[in-house]
C-alpha atoms as a PDB file:
ATOM      1  CA  MET A   1       7.110  49.494 125.551  1.00  0.00           C
ATOM      2  CA  LYS A   2       6.470  47.388 122.868  1.00  0.00           C
ATOM      3  CA  ILE A   3       3.327  48.815 121.697  1.00  0.00           C
ATOM      4  CA  CYS A   4       5.133  52.062 121.664  1.00  0.00           C
ATOM      5  CA  ARG A   5       8.288  51.366 120.350  1.00  0.00           C
ATOM      6  CA  ASN A   6       5.554  49.762 117.120  1.00  0.00           C
ATOM      7  CA  ILE A   7       3.559  53.240 117.266  1.00  0.00           C
ATOM      8  CA  LEU A   8       6.968  55.201 117.474  1.00  0.00           C
ATOM      9  CA  SER A   9       7.980  53.217 113.928  1.00  0.00           C
ATOM     10  CA  ILE A  10       5.047  54.226 112.151  1.00  0.00           C
ATOM     11  CA  TYR A  11       4.667  57.634 113.564  1.00  0.00           C
ATOM     12  CA  PRO A  12       7.742  59.085 114.599  1.00  0.00           C
ATOM     13  CA  ASP A  13       6.987  62.413 115.939  1.00  0.00           C
ATOM     14  CA  ASP A  14       3.664  60.699 118.056  1.00  0.00           C
ATOM     15  CA  VAL A  15       3.731  62.402 121.017  1.00  0.00           C
ATOM     16  CA  GLU A  16       1.771  60.232 123.829  1.00  0.00           C
ATOM     17  CA  ALA A  17       3.728  57.114 122.826  1.00  0.00           C
ATOM     18  CA  GLU A  18       7.109  59.370 123.313  1.00  0.00           C
ATOM     19  CA  GLU A  19       6.165  60.231 127.216  1.00  0.00           C
ATOM     20  CA  SER A  20       4.573  57.006 127.698  1.00  0.00           C
ATOM     21  CA  LEU A  21       7.493  54.659 126.623  1.00  0.00           C
ATOM     22  CA  ARG A  22       9.486  56.945 128.453  1.00  0.00           C
ATOM     23  CA  ARG A  23       7.522  56.737 131.576  1.00  0.00           C
ATOM     24  CA  LEU A  24       7.750  53.074 131.003  1.00  0.00           C
ATOM     25  CA  ALA A  25      11.464  52.766 130.551  1.00  0.00           C
ATOM     26  CA  THR A  26      12.502  55.289 133.660  1.00  0.00           C
ATOM     27  CA  ARG A  27       9.694  53.210 136.528  1.00  0.00           C
ATOM     28  CA  ASN A  28      11.603  50.611 137.675  1.00  0.00           C
ATOM     29  CA  ILE A  29      14.871  52.340 137.761  1.00  0.00           C
ATOM     30  CA  ASP A  30      16.537  52.101 141.393  1.00  0.00           C
ATOM     31  CA  ILE A  31      16.526  56.408 142.184  1.00  0.00           C
ATOM     32  CA  SER A  32      18.292  55.741 145.535  1.00  0.00           C
ATOM     33  CA  GLY A  33      21.204  58.321 146.701  1.00  0.00           C
ATOM     34  CA  LEU A  34      20.002  60.620 143.676  1.00  0.00           C
ATOM     35  CA  ASN A  35      19.628  64.169 142.905  1.00  0.00           C
ATOM     36  CA  LEU A  36      15.435  63.550 142.989  1.00  0.00           C
ATOM     37  CA  ASP A  37      14.567  67.223 142.064  1.00  0.00           C
ATOM     38  CA  MET A  38      17.445  67.294 139.033  1.00  0.00           C
ATOM     39  CA  TYR A  39      15.488  63.384 138.063  1.00  0.00           C
ATOM     40  CA  ASP A  40      12.342  65.123 138.199  1.00  0.00           C
ATOM     41  CA  THR A  41      13.547  68.016 136.102  1.00  0.00           C
ATOM     42  CA  PHE A  42      15.111  65.179 133.585  1.00  0.00           C
ATOM     43  CA  ILE A  43      11.863  63.395 133.543  1.00  0.00           C
ATOM     44  CA  ASN A  44       9.938  66.307 132.748  1.00  0.00           C
ATOM     45  CA  ALA A  45      11.519  68.502 130.909  1.00  0.00           C
ATOM     46  CA  ASP A  46       9.338  70.681 128.413  1.00  0.00           C
ATOM     47  CA  SER A  47      11.354  73.746 127.841  1.00  0.00           C
ATOM     48  CA  LYS A  48      14.716  74.598 126.580  1.00  0.00           C
ATOM     49  CA  GLU A  49      15.002  76.686 130.096  1.00  0.00           C
ATOM     50  CA  LYS A  50      14.635  73.080 131.735  1.00  0.00           C
ATOM     51  CA  LEU A  51      17.098  71.555 129.708  1.00  0.00           C
ATOM     52  CA  ILE A  52      19.619  74.246 130.185  1.00  0.00           C
ATOM     53  CA  GLU A  53      19.341  73.973 134.218  1.00  0.00           C
ATOM     54  CA  LEU A  54      19.602  70.137 134.146  1.00  0.00           C
ATOM     55  CA  GLU A  55      22.999  70.857 131.646  1.00  0.00           C
ATOM     56  CA  ARG A  56      24.403  73.358 134.091  1.00  0.00           C
ATOM     57  CA  TRP A  57      23.539  71.320 136.985  1.00  0.00           C
ATOM     58  CA  LEU A  58      25.624  68.121 135.214  1.00  0.00           C
ATOM     59  CA  ILE A  59      28.816  70.478 135.015  1.00  0.00           C
ATOM     60  CA  GLY A  60      28.330  71.965 138.040  1.00  0.00           C
ATOM     61  CA  TYR A  61      28.097  75.462 136.726  1.00  0.00           C
END
């Protein structure tokens, strides 16, 4: 994680470092009891539509 943060401090637009940091940061989270579909949507949201889907689920819309 430290390496990814260092890379991002030098190259803030480095998508690969950002994705790696996100994966590392969420790897040890206890997700038992969570809606795994929405958790997956949150982790892998790659479009505005996916973020809107997550937002609607969060607010119960």
